[in-house]
Protein backbone atom coordinates (compact mmCIF):
# COMPACT_ATOMS: atom_id res chain seq x y z
CA MET A 1 11.05 90.94 71.22
CA THR A 2 7.62 89.86 70.05
CA PRO A 3 7.52 86.06 69.71
CA ILE A 4 8.02 84.98 66.09
CA LEU A 5 6.85 81.73 64.51
CA ARG A 6 8.76 80.37 61.50
CA PHE A 7 7.30 77.67 59.25
CA LEU A 8 10.25 75.39 58.47
CA GLY A 9 8.23 72.39 57.26
CA ALA A 10 4.78 70.88 56.71
CA THR A 11 3.78 73.81 54.49
CA GLY A 12 2.61 72.79 51.04
CA THR A 13 3.31 69.19 52.02
CA VAL A 14 2.05 66.62 54.50
CA THR A 15 5.47 65.80 55.97
CA GLY A 16 8.45 67.50 57.60
CA SER A 17 6.65 69.16 60.51
CA ARG A 18 8.98 71.82 61.98
CA PHE A 19 7.85 75.12 63.51
CA LEU A 20 10.42 77.40 65.14
CA LEU A 21 9.41 79.75 67.97
CA GLU A 22 11.78 82.64 68.64
CA THR A 23 11.56 85.05 71.57
CA ASP A 24 14.11 87.46 73.04
CA ARG A 25 15.02 84.70 75.52
CA ALA A 26 14.73 81.37 73.70
CA ARG A 27 14.39 79.34 70.53
CA VAL A 28 12.03 76.34 70.68
CA LEU A 29 11.42 73.92 67.82
CA LEU A 30 7.88 72.53 67.82
CA GLU A 31 8.08 69.20 65.99
CA CYS A 32 11.21 67.80 64.36
CA GLY A 33 9.97 65.76 61.42
CA LEU A 34 11.42 64.18 58.31
CA PHE A 35 10.32 65.18 54.85
CA GLN A 36 9.05 62.15 52.96
CA GLY A 37 7.68 61.36 49.51
CA LEU A 38 8.88 63.34 46.48
CA LYS A 39 12.65 63.48 45.95
CA GLU A 40 12.57 67.27 46.04
CA LEU A 41 11.05 67.02 49.52
CA ARG A 42 13.44 64.32 50.77
CA LEU A 43 16.38 66.46 49.69
CA ARG A 44 15.20 69.10 52.16
CA ASN A 45 16.26 66.75 54.97
CA TRP A 46 19.84 67.40 53.86
CA ALA A 47 19.47 71.18 53.60
CA PRO A 48 20.91 73.29 56.44
CA LEU A 49 18.48 74.82 58.92
CA PRO A 50 18.14 78.62 58.83
CA VAL A 51 19.55 78.72 62.37
CA GLU A 52 22.38 76.82 64.02
CA ALA A 53 21.13 73.61 65.64
CA SER A 54 23.17 74.49 68.73
CA SER A 55 21.19 77.73 69.12
CA ILE A 56 17.90 75.89 69.68
CA ASP A 57 17.11 75.67 73.40
CA ALA A 58 14.50 72.91 73.32
CA VAL A 59 12.43 70.66 71.06
CA VAL A 60 8.81 69.68 71.73
CA LEU A 61 7.24 66.68 69.97
CA SER A 62 3.52 66.03 69.50
CA HIS A 63 3.96 62.32 68.73
CA ALA A 64 6.39 59.69 67.49
CA HIS A 65 5.67 59.36 63.76
CA LEU A 66 8.76 60.08 61.68
CA ASP A 67 7.24 63.05 59.85
CA HIS A 68 7.00 64.71 63.28
CA ALA A 69 9.98 63.25 65.16
CA GLY A 70 12.28 61.56 62.64
CA TYR A 71 14.62 64.52 62.06
CA LEU A 72 15.67 64.63 65.72
CA PRO A 73 18.81 62.44 65.32
CA SER A 74 19.98 64.69 62.49
CA LEU A 75 19.40 67.78 64.63
CA VAL A 76 21.46 66.28 67.45
CA LYS A 77 24.13 65.25 64.93
CA GLN A 78 24.31 68.92 63.88
CA GLY A 79 24.91 70.11 67.44
CA PHE A 80 21.56 70.42 69.21
CA ALA A 81 22.21 69.68 72.90
CA GLY A 82 19.00 70.78 74.63
CA PRO A 83 16.10 68.82 76.11
CA VAL A 84 13.32 67.20 74.05
CA PHE A 85 9.92 67.29 75.74
CA THR A 86 7.15 64.84 74.96
CA THR A 87 4.66 62.47 76.60
CA PRO A 88 5.88 59.23 78.20
CA ARG A 89 4.26 56.98 75.58
CA THR A 90 5.65 59.09 72.74
CA ALA A 91 9.07 58.66 74.35
CA ASP A 92 8.50 54.88 74.44
CA LEU A 93 7.60 54.82 70.76
CA CYS A 94 10.49 57.10 69.78
CA ARG A 95 12.82 54.58 71.40
CA ILE A 96 11.51 52.10 68.83
CA LEU A 97 11.12 54.27 65.73
CA LEU A 98 14.23 56.45 65.77
CA PRO A 99 16.90 53.71 66.06
CA ASP A 100 14.98 51.68 63.50
CA SER A 101 14.95 54.67 61.14
CA GLY A 102 18.72 55.06 61.51
CA ARG A 103 19.30 51.34 61.02
CA ILE A 104 17.13 51.24 57.87
CA GLN A 105 18.96 54.23 56.43
CA GLU A 106 22.29 52.55 57.07
CA GLU A 107 21.06 49.27 55.54
CA ASP A 108 19.58 51.02 52.50
CA ALA A 109 22.82 52.93 51.91
CA ALA A 110 24.89 49.75 52.27
CA TYR A 111 22.58 47.84 49.90
CA ALA A 112 22.74 50.66 47.33
CA ASN A 113 26.54 50.67 47.56
CA ARG A 114 26.72 46.89 47.17
CA ARG A 115 24.39 46.86 44.17
CA GLY A 116 25.72 50.07 42.67
CA PHE A 117 22.37 51.73 41.93
CA SER A 118 22.87 54.93 43.93
CA LYS A 119 23.78 58.17 42.17
CA HIS A 120 26.03 58.99 45.13
CA THR A 121 29.43 57.41 45.75
CA PRO A 122 29.23 56.31 48.40
CA ALA A 123 25.54 56.47 49.36
CA LEU A 124 25.27 57.76 52.94
CA PRO A 125 22.50 57.66 55.54
CA LEU A 126 21.09 60.95 56.82
CA TYR A 127 21.89 59.59 60.28
CA SER A 128 22.85 56.31 61.88
CA GLU A 129 21.37 54.10 64.56
CA GLU A 130 24.07 55.44 66.90
CA ASP A 131 22.97 59.02 66.13
CA ALA A 132 19.41 58.03 67.01
CA GLU A 133 20.49 56.52 70.32
CA ARG A 134 22.27 59.78 71.20
CA ALA A 135 19.12 61.73 70.36
CA LEU A 136 17.03 59.55 72.68
CA GLY A 137 19.22 60.67 75.55
CA ARG A 138 17.83 64.20 75.13
CA ILE A 139 14.20 63.17 75.75
CA ARG A 140 12.40 64.34 78.91
CA HIS A 141 8.91 63.23 79.94
CA ALA A 142 6.29 65.95 80.01
CA GLY A 143 4.23 66.21 83.17
CA ALA A 144 0.46 66.40 83.47
CA GLU A 145 0.60 70.17 83.95
CA PRO A 146 2.08 72.80 81.59
CA GLN A 147 5.81 73.21 82.14
CA GLU A 148 8.56 75.61 81.17
CA VAL A 149 10.53 74.09 78.29
CA ALA A 150 12.78 77.13 77.76
CA PRO A 151 13.02 80.55 79.45
CA GLY A 152 9.64 82.24 79.13
CA VAL A 153 7.99 79.44 77.12
CA ARG A 154 5.54 76.96 78.67
CA VAL A 155 3.91 73.95 76.98
CA GLY A 156 0.96 71.79 77.97
CA PHE A 157 0.13 68.47 76.30
CA ARG A 158 -3.51 67.71 75.41
CA ASN A 159 -4.66 64.30 74.15
CA ALA A 160 -4.88 64.30 70.33
CA GLY A 161 -6.29 60.79 69.91
CA HIS A 162 -4.14 60.03 66.84
CA ILE A 163 -1.69 57.40 68.12
CA LEU A 164 -0.68 56.34 71.61
CA GLY A 165 0.98 59.30 73.33
CA SER A 166 -0.07 61.84 70.71
CA ALA A 167 -0.80 65.37 71.91
CA SER A 168 -1.75 68.83 70.79
CA LEU A 169 0.78 71.37 72.06
CA HIS A 170 -0.58 74.35 74.03
CA VAL A 171 2.13 77.03 74.15
CA SER A 172 2.05 80.11 76.38
CA PHE A 173 4.56 82.90 76.91
CA ASP A 174 5.66 85.06 79.83
CA ASP A 175 5.47 87.99 77.42
CA GLY A 176 2.10 89.53 78.16
CA GLU A 177 1.68 90.81 74.59
CA ALA A 178 1.86 87.34 73.04
CA GLY A 179 -1.27 85.22 73.09
CA ASP A 180 -1.34 81.48 73.50
CA LEU A 181 -0.57 79.19 70.57
CA LEU A 182 -2.04 75.73 69.93
CA LEU A 183 -0.42 73.27 67.53
CA SER A 184 -2.93 70.53 66.78
CA GLY A 185 -0.35 67.90 65.86
CA ASP A 186 -2.05 65.08 63.98
CA LEU A 187 -5.64 64.78 65.18
CA GLY A 188 -7.41 61.48 65.62
CA ARG A 189 -11.03 60.75 64.96
CA PRO A 190 -14.06 60.84 67.23
CA ARG A 191 -14.21 57.05 66.97
CA HIS A 192 -10.72 55.53 66.97
CA PRO A 193 -11.20 51.80 67.75
CA VAL A 194 -8.52 51.79 70.45
CA LEU A 195 -7.97 55.38 71.65
CA GLU A 196 -10.16 58.02 73.25
CA PRO A 197 -11.06 60.97 70.97
CA PRO A 198 -9.08 64.23 70.89
CA GLU A 199 -9.61 66.78 73.65
CA PRO A 200 -11.41 69.93 72.46
CA PRO A 201 -9.09 72.88 71.86
CA PRO A 202 -8.74 75.63 74.48
CA ALA A 203 -9.21 79.31 73.68
CA VAL A 204 -6.00 80.59 72.03
CA ARG A 205 -4.96 83.54 69.91
CA THR A 206 -3.14 81.45 67.29
CA LEU A 207 -4.02 77.96 66.03
CA LEU A 208 -2.00 75.66 63.76
CA ILE A 209 -4.28 72.96 62.36
CA GLU A 210 -3.21 69.90 60.36
CA SER A 211 -4.93 69.29 57.00
CA THR A 212 -3.89 65.78 55.91
CA TYR A 213 -7.49 65.02 54.89
CA GLY A 214 -8.58 68.64 54.56
CA ASP A 215 -10.16 68.03 51.15
CA ARG A 216 -12.16 64.88 51.80
CA CYS A 217 -14.39 63.00 54.22
CA HIS A 218 -13.96 59.35 55.10
CA ASP A 219 -16.57 56.85 53.92
CA ASP A 220 -15.90 54.15 56.48
CA SER A 221 -18.73 51.84 55.45
CA ALA A 222 -17.65 51.73 51.78
CA ALA A 223 -13.98 51.32 52.74
CA LEU A 224 -14.76 48.49 55.15
CA ALA A 225 -16.85 46.74 52.50
CA ALA A 226 -13.94 47.03 50.03
CA PHE A 227 -11.54 45.66 52.65
CA VAL A 228 -13.75 42.65 53.42
CA GLU A 229 -14.47 41.92 49.76
CA ALA A 230 -10.77 42.03 48.86
CA ILE A 231 -9.85 39.54 51.59
CA VAL A 232 -12.71 37.17 50.76
CA ARG A 233 -11.93 37.30 47.01
CA THR A 234 -8.21 36.75 47.51
CA ALA A 235 -8.71 33.89 49.97
CA ALA A 236 -11.08 32.18 47.54
CA ARG A 237 -8.40 32.10 44.84
CA GLY A 238 -5.68 30.99 47.28
CA GLY A 239 -3.69 34.21 47.14
CA LEU A 240 -1.83 36.48 49.53
CA VAL A 241 -3.30 39.64 51.02
CA LEU A 242 -0.50 42.15 51.61
CA ILE A 243 -1.37 45.10 53.86
CA PRO A 244 1.35 47.77 54.08
CA ALA A 245 0.79 49.50 57.41
CA PHE A 246 2.56 52.09 59.50
CA ALA A 247 4.36 50.34 62.32
CA VAL A 248 2.76 52.48 65.02
CA ASP A 249 -1.01 52.45 65.54
CA ARG A 250 -2.05 51.46 62.00
CA THR A 251 -0.82 47.91 62.57
CA GLU A 252 -2.74 47.77 65.85
CA VAL A 253 -5.89 49.13 64.23
CA VAL A 254 -5.64 46.67 61.32
CA LEU A 255 -5.20 43.74 63.72
CA TYR A 256 -8.12 44.94 65.84
CA HIS A 257 -10.41 45.05 62.80
CA LEU A 258 -9.19 41.69 61.49
CA ARG A 259 -10.03 40.23 64.89
CA GLN A 260 -13.53 41.75 64.84
CA LEU A 261 -14.26 40.72 61.24
CA THR A 262 -13.05 37.16 61.85
CA ALA A 263 -15.14 36.86 65.02
CA GLU A 264 -18.20 38.10 63.12
CA GLY A 265 -17.62 35.58 60.32
CA LYS A 266 -17.26 38.29 57.67
CA ILE A 267 -13.81 37.07 56.61
CA PRO A 268 -12.32 33.56 56.86
CA GLU A 269 -9.88 32.79 59.65
CA LEU A 270 -6.46 33.01 58.02
CA PRO A 271 -2.86 33.05 59.20
CA VAL A 272 -1.93 36.68 59.83
CA TYR A 273 1.79 37.48 59.72
CA VAL A 274 3.06 40.73 61.21
CA ASP A 275 6.41 41.17 59.49
CA SER A 276 8.05 44.21 61.05
CA PRO A 277 10.23 44.18 64.17
CA MET A 278 9.34 47.83 64.71
CA ALA A 279 5.60 47.15 64.45
CA LEU A 280 5.91 44.25 66.89
CA ALA A 281 7.81 46.42 69.36
CA ALA A 282 5.09 49.08 69.08
CA LEU A 283 2.44 46.39 69.50
CA ARG A 284 4.05 45.50 72.84
CA VAL A 285 3.71 49.13 73.98
CA TYR A 286 0.02 49.17 72.99
CA ARG A 287 -0.59 45.89 74.80
CA GLU A 288 1.03 47.35 77.91
CA ALA A 289 -1.19 50.44 77.75
CA VAL A 290 -4.34 48.33 77.29
CA ALA A 291 -3.40 45.99 80.14
CA ALA A 292 -2.65 48.95 82.42
CA GLY A 293 -5.98 50.57 81.60
CA GLU A 294 -4.36 53.89 80.72
CA PRO A 295 -6.76 56.82 80.22
CA GLU A 296 -5.87 57.22 76.52
CA ILE A 297 -7.31 53.76 75.84
CA ARG A 298 -11.04 53.52 75.16
CA SER A 299 -12.83 52.54 78.35
CA GLU A 300 -14.28 49.32 76.91
CA LEU A 301 -10.79 48.04 76.02
CA ARG A 302 -8.97 48.90 79.24
CA GLY A 303 -7.69 45.67 80.76
CA HIS A 304 -8.70 43.59 77.72
CA PRO A 305 -6.60 40.38 77.61
CA GLU A 306 -5.79 40.58 73.86
CA PRO A 307 -7.64 42.88 71.43
CA PHE A 308 -5.05 42.51 68.64
CA ASP A 309 -4.95 38.76 67.82
CA PRO A 310 -7.25 37.69 64.95
CA GLY A 311 -6.71 34.04 65.90
CA GLY A 312 -3.79 32.99 63.71
CA LEU A 313 -1.28 35.72 64.53
CA VAL A 314 2.35 34.92 63.62
CA GLU A 315 4.99 37.41 64.74
CA ALA A 316 7.90 37.49 62.28
CA ARG A 317 10.75 39.03 64.22
CA ALA A 318 13.94 37.66 62.69
CA VAL A 319 14.99 37.98 59.06
CA GLU A 320 14.64 34.19 58.76
CA ASP A 321 11.01 34.48 59.94
CA SER A 322 10.37 37.07 57.25
CA LYS A 323 11.93 34.95 54.51
CA ALA A 324 9.90 31.93 55.64
CA ILE A 325 6.68 33.80 54.78
CA HIS A 326 7.58 33.48 51.10
CA ASP A 327 7.09 29.71 51.37
CA ALA A 328 4.11 29.78 53.73
CA ALA A 329 0.85 28.08 52.83
CA LEU A 330 -1.75 30.29 51.19
CA PRO A 331 -4.19 31.94 51.51
CA ALA A 332 -2.74 34.22 54.18
CA ILE A 333 -2.50 37.85 55.26
CA VAL A 334 0.78 39.74 55.71
CA VAL A 335 0.87 43.09 57.54
CA SER A 336 4.23 44.78 57.02
CA ALA A 337 5.79 48.23 57.25
CA SER A 338 6.10 50.78 55.85
CA GLY A 339 2.63 52.14 55.20
CA MET A 340 3.56 54.25 52.14
CA LEU A 341 6.03 51.65 50.79
CA THR A 342 9.02 53.89 51.39
CA GLY A 343 11.19 51.21 53.00
CA GLY A 344 11.25 48.21 55.29
CA ARG A 345 10.47 44.54 54.79
CA VAL A 346 7.30 45.23 52.82
CA LEU A 347 9.49 46.05 49.81
CA HIS A 348 10.74 42.47 49.65
CA HIS A 349 7.17 41.15 49.77
CA LEU A 350 6.16 43.57 47.02
CA ALA A 351 9.10 42.56 44.84
CA ARG A 352 8.01 38.94 45.10
CA ARG A 353 4.22 39.34 45.04
CA LEU A 354 3.37 42.28 42.77
CA PRO A 355 3.92 40.19 39.58
CA ASP A 356 1.47 37.55 40.90
CA PRO A 357 -2.18 38.17 39.86
CA THR A 358 -3.47 36.12 42.83
CA THR A 359 -2.04 38.73 45.22
CA THR A 360 -4.01 41.68 46.57
CA VAL A 361 -2.32 44.76 48.03
CA ILE A 362 -4.67 46.68 50.32
CA LEU A 363 -3.63 50.28 51.00
CA VAL A 364 -5.29 51.27 54.25
CA GLY A 365 -3.68 54.65 54.95
CA PHE A 366 -2.71 57.97 53.43
CA GLN A 367 -0.28 57.74 50.52
CA ALA A 368 1.80 60.91 50.17
CA GLU A 369 2.70 62.41 46.83
CA GLY A 370 5.83 60.82 45.38
CA THR A 371 5.61 57.56 47.35
CA ARG A 372 5.32 54.07 45.86
CA GLY A 373 1.93 53.75 47.54
CA ARG A 374 0.64 56.80 45.68
CA ARG A 375 1.99 55.44 42.39
CA LEU A 376 0.21 52.13 42.95
CA LEU A 377 -3.03 53.98 43.68
CA GLU A 378 -2.59 55.93 40.45
CA GLY A 379 -2.37 52.70 38.45
CA ALA A 380 1.37 52.30 37.85
CA GLU A 381 2.14 49.28 35.68
CA THR A 382 5.67 48.95 37.05
CA ILE A 383 7.24 50.00 40.35
CA LYS A 384 10.95 50.37 41.11
CA LEU A 385 11.90 48.23 44.10
CA LEU A 386 15.36 47.49 45.46
CA GLY A 387 17.08 48.84 42.36
CA ARG A 388 14.95 47.08 39.71
CA TYR A 389 11.54 47.56 38.09
CA VAL A 390 8.81 45.09 39.00
CA PRO A 391 5.60 44.60 36.96
CA VAL A 392 2.32 45.22 38.80
CA ARG A 393 -0.10 42.37 38.10
CA ALA A 394 -1.56 42.12 41.60
CA ASP A 395 -4.86 43.73 42.55
CA VAL A 396 -4.43 47.08 44.30
CA VAL A 397 -7.31 48.09 46.57
CA GLU A 398 -7.71 51.36 48.45
CA ALA A 399 -9.58 50.85 51.72
CA PRO A 400 -8.79 53.76 54.08
CA VAL A 401 -11.27 52.60 56.70
CA PHE A 402 -8.40 52.54 59.16
CA SER A 403 -7.42 56.17 58.80
CA VAL A 404 -6.59 57.62 62.19
CA HIS A 405 -6.51 61.18 60.82
CA ALA A 406 -9.58 63.36 61.28
CA ASP A 407 -11.25 64.19 57.97
CA ALA A 408 -12.32 67.64 56.76
CA ALA A 409 -15.63 67.66 58.62
CA GLU A 410 -14.05 66.31 61.80
CA LEU A 411 -11.25 68.89 61.67
CA ALA A 412 -13.75 71.71 61.25
CA ALA A 413 -15.89 70.38 64.10
CA TRP A 414 -12.83 70.21 66.38
CA VAL A 415 -11.90 73.82 65.60
CA ALA A 416 -15.51 74.89 66.24
CA SER A 417 -15.53 73.20 69.65
CA ALA A 418 -13.14 75.80 71.14
CA PRO A 419 -14.63 78.20 73.72
CA ARG A 420 -13.94 81.09 71.33
CA PRO A 421 -12.40 81.42 67.86
CA PRO A 422 -8.67 82.09 67.51
CA ASP A 423 -7.59 85.37 65.98
CA THR A 424 -5.63 83.50 63.28
CA THR A 425 -5.64 79.90 62.12
CA TYR A 426 -2.71 78.58 60.07
CA VAL A 427 -3.47 75.51 57.97
CA VAL A 428 -0.41 73.25 57.85
CA HIS A 429 0.65 69.62 57.37
CA GLY A 430 -1.29 68.96 54.19
CA GLU A 431 -0.69 68.80 50.47
CA LYS A 432 -1.56 72.03 48.66
CA ALA A 433 -5.05 71.05 47.55
CA ALA A 434 -5.96 69.66 50.97
CA ALA A 435 -4.69 72.72 52.83
CA ALA A 436 -6.52 75.09 50.47
CA ALA A 437 -9.76 73.14 50.80
CA LEU A 438 -9.63 73.19 54.59
CA ARG A 439 -8.77 76.91 54.56
CA ASP A 440 -11.87 77.60 52.46
CA ARG A 441 -14.02 75.39 54.66
CA LEU A 442 -12.88 77.08 57.87
CA ALA A 443 -13.04 80.59 56.37
CA SER A 444 -16.67 80.03 55.39
CA GLY A 445 -17.62 79.70 59.07
CA ALA A 446 -17.06 81.84 62.11
CA SER A 447 -14.97 79.52 64.27
CA ALA A 448 -11.42 79.97 62.96
CA GLY A 449 -10.81 83.73 62.73
CA ASN A 450 -8.47 84.78 59.94
CA VAL A 451 -7.50 81.59 58.07
CA VAL A 452 -4.14 81.39 56.27
CA VAL A 453 -2.09 78.75 54.45
CA PRO A 454 1.50 79.83 55.23
CA SER A 455 4.40 79.65 52.80
CA PRO A 456 7.56 77.60 53.43
CA GLY A 457 9.98 79.61 55.55
CA GLU A 458 7.43 82.33 56.34
CA ARG A 459 7.78 84.27 59.61
CA VAL A 460 4.75 85.63 61.52
CA ARG A 461 4.38 87.64 64.74
CA LEU A 462 2.35 86.20 67.61
CA ASP A 463 1.29 89.48 69.27
């Protein structure tokens, strides 16, 4: 049987990465992500897979973000019993993110049932913290060399420079007719402040390239200026700066920049609260990697005693610590998850602070369609939080200087750095406009071969 690739997610949307490889000897799921954002997308998390979960021989993860790994507990709950291969640091971060995801889902369902605002009776989580713990037992560390993950299928992990542990997945087959496949995963930027840049791609027949920012290029200088100005302005009026940030990597990058800007005197030294147990757990993993001088860390930071403390760092671990921030002296900065305002403690800060015109909310990362973050960017006057509508009187500032996704030009340059063009490039993991823009950009050159935006559920041959 010629190997077949099925696009089960991350097509026409920036979330839900799932790509199923089928050969005459094995089924391997590359990525196992949650759909996020629009309700119609989130409902797809509840839809049955086109194959039995128990028939999948192995899962391979590029990194720990929930849109790439967050469906794993549900897959195990449905009967998947095979190994899950990923890098050691991705495994470390999954041990933080997946149980937290299950716990938040349980808490959100319980809160909805208590308050009676769910359409479902009772509201149920997609999976529980216990389901997540069972899923973690399936994880196996990938070695430095390519390894067989299922009969006839080998995978190598290449540094992707996106978050700690992130990798592009280089897949090869025993079948001599099938060429190699490379799944980019999420690609970092040539100049991530903490991590080394992505490795160039090898020569492959088939390439899957992410397109999160496929329709735009980052303007870091303008974004940094907006970030600094927002903090200075808010501090001057005695307000709160609220920075929603993804718990993994974005929090570390925000803290790194706050440290640099404070040291340079560009922003005042303020108390900085990190209010997310998950973010603080991830911060510990990053500190360990920096202290150990791991090769993923930029050479100038390896062994650094503390690159993430702006000077007044307060770690809010317990619920009581989080509640105490409401009465803390201002001005101050709060960094809290989640980055797209889809859940977590940041919702409680928003509910309290959005009606206050002295508050500034700085959105530093990508805001997917259908999320509260996107609605704030689009100028919403009210936002529904915790079952009630809250007026938006705070300043909302977009400052994506901390994006750790390659932009359109950087994605195209990465593709062009391969020793030879692939026969076919599939543009995935982007909203429709972004994927189409990157397709057109790549097709206008000579480095990507035949360039296609696949359809959800589409099957393609790899010979």
